[in-house]
Amino acid sequence: MAAEAASGGGVVKHILLAKFKDEVTPERLDQLIRGYAALVNVVPSMKAFHWGTDVSIENMHQGFTHVFESTFESTEGIKEYIEHPEHVKFANEFLAALEKTLIIDYKPTAVN
């Protein structure tokens, strides 16, 4: 398992937490989410996409309202995604609509 982690192989999750600017309308938000979801059809290394809004009762969200999760085949796959022209175009549009964001990539580990 350590060799796989060191080589960049194995599934990697890309998590983006977002707080959108107040002026982003519900219609615009819907367009942005659809645009994000569409990347899974144009970026070969992007294997899955899920999103949702905060439903926690703990009130520890620090203002983040949305979470976006993308699944990749490897860390190299994330690099391909970041550099892909469609992602670059979309990211410029998406990031401009955010008040703040937090992005983390991780390799899921099962605990038996």
Protein backbone atom coordinates (compact mmCIF):
# COMPACT_ATOMS: atom_id res chain seq x y z
CA MET A 1 0.00 0.00 0.00
CA ALA A 2 2.84 2.43 0.75
CA ALA A 3 4.33 1.83 -2.71
CA GLU A 4 0.97 2.59 -4.33
CA ALA A 5 0.65 5.82 -2.34
CA ALA A 6 4.16 6.87 -3.25
CA SER A 7 3.59 6.15 -6.95
CA GLY A 8 0.41 8.24 -7.10
CA GLY A 9 -1.66 5.18 -8.04
CA GLY A 10 -5.06 4.35 -6.60
CA VAL A 11 -8.28 6.29 -6.26
CA VAL A 12 -8.01 9.93 -5.18
CA LYS A 13 -10.86 12.16 -4.02
CA HIS A 14 -10.82 15.88 -4.81
CA ILE A 15 -12.95 17.81 -2.32
CA LEU A 16 -13.90 21.45 -2.85
CA LEU A 17 -15.77 23.38 -0.16
CA ALA A 18 -17.40 26.57 -1.39
CA LYS A 19 -19.11 29.70 -0.18
CA PHE A 20 -20.57 31.57 -3.11
CA LYS A 21 -20.72 35.34 -3.29
CA ASP A 22 -24.04 36.84 -2.19
CA GLU A 23 -24.72 38.20 -5.68
CA VAL A 24 -24.69 34.72 -7.27
CA THR A 25 -28.32 34.05 -8.21
CA PRO A 26 -29.93 30.62 -7.88
CA GLU A 27 -30.01 30.41 -11.67
CA ARG A 28 -26.31 31.19 -11.94
CA LEU A 29 -25.53 28.69 -9.18
CA ASP A 30 -27.44 26.02 -11.10
CA GLN A 31 -25.42 26.84 -14.26
CA LEU A 32 -22.16 26.57 -12.34
CA ILE A 33 -23.08 23.22 -10.78
CA ARG A 34 -24.15 21.83 -14.16
CA GLY A 35 -20.88 23.06 -15.66
CA TYR A 36 -18.88 21.37 -12.92
CA ALA A 37 -20.80 18.11 -13.37
CA ALA A 38 -20.25 18.24 -17.15
CA LEU A 39 -16.48 18.01 -16.67
CA VAL A 40 -16.83 14.30 -15.89
CA ASN A 41 -17.80 13.82 -19.55
CA VAL A 42 -14.81 15.70 -21.00
CA VAL A 43 -11.92 15.00 -18.62
CA PRO A 44 -10.99 11.30 -19.04
CA SER A 45 -9.31 10.95 -15.62
CA MET A 46 -12.38 12.32 -13.78
CA LYS A 47 -14.39 9.20 -12.93
CA ALA A 48 -17.25 10.56 -10.79
CA PHE A 49 -18.76 13.78 -9.47
CA HIS A 50 -21.08 14.42 -6.52
CA TRP A 51 -22.16 17.60 -4.79
CA GLY A 52 -24.40 18.75 -1.97
CA THR A 53 -25.15 21.49 0.51
CA ASP A 54 -24.36 21.65 4.20
CA VAL A 55 -26.97 19.87 6.33
CA SER A 56 -24.95 19.65 9.54
CA ILE A 57 -26.58 20.51 12.85
CA GLU A 58 -23.17 21.21 14.42
CA ASN A 59 -22.84 24.70 12.89
CA MET A 60 -19.12 24.22 12.26
CA HIS A 61 -19.22 24.90 8.50
CA GLN A 62 -17.24 28.17 8.82
CA GLY A 63 -19.50 29.72 6.18
CA PHE A 64 -19.02 27.01 3.57
CA THR A 65 -22.37 26.10 2.03
CA HIS A 66 -21.56 23.61 -0.75
CA VAL A 67 -19.31 20.60 -1.14
CA PHE A 68 -18.13 19.14 -4.45
CA GLU A 69 -16.45 15.73 -4.64
CA SER A 70 -14.68 14.41 -7.73
CA THR A 71 -13.12 10.97 -8.01
CA PHE A 72 -9.93 10.35 -9.98
CA GLU A 73 -7.96 7.23 -10.84
CA SER A 74 -4.69 8.63 -9.44
CA THR A 75 -2.84 11.76 -8.41
CA GLU A 76 -1.65 11.95 -12.01
CA GLY A 77 -5.34 12.03 -12.97
CA ILE A 78 -5.85 15.14 -10.84
CA LYS A 79 -2.88 16.77 -12.56
CA GLU A 80 -4.45 15.99 -15.95
CA TYR A 81 -7.75 17.45 -14.72
CA ILE A 82 -6.16 20.65 -13.43
CA GLU A 83 -4.35 21.17 -16.74
CA HIS A 84 -7.25 20.15 -19.02
CA PRO A 85 -8.37 23.15 -21.15
CA GLU A 86 -12.06 22.63 -20.30
CA HIS A 87 -11.27 22.59 -16.58
CA VAL A 88 -9.12 25.72 -16.86
CA LYS A 89 -11.93 27.53 -18.68
CA PHE A 90 -14.55 26.37 -16.16
CA ALA A 91 -12.36 27.04 -13.10
CA ASN A 92 -11.85 30.68 -14.09
CA GLU A 93 -15.63 31.12 -14.24
CA PHE A 94 -16.38 29.07 -11.11
CA LEU A 95 -13.72 30.60 -8.86
CA ALA A 96 -14.87 34.11 -9.78
CA ALA A 97 -18.26 33.30 -8.21
CA LEU A 98 -16.77 32.21 -4.86
CA GLU A 99 -16.31 34.25 -1.73
CA LYS A 100 -14.06 31.53 -0.33
CA THR A 101 -13.02 27.97 -1.03
CA LEU A 102 -11.03 25.11 0.44
CA ILE A 103 -9.69 22.26 -1.68
CA ILE A 104 -8.28 18.98 -0.40
CA ASP A 105 -7.18 15.89 -2.32
CA TYR A 106 -6.93 12.61 -0.44
CA LYS A 107 -6.65 8.87 -0.94
CA PRO A 108 -9.46 7.05 0.87
CA THR A 109 -8.30 4.51 3.41
CA ALA A 110 -10.62 1.83 4.75
CA VAL A 111 -10.40 0.91 8.40
CA ASN A 112 -11.25 -2.73 8.96
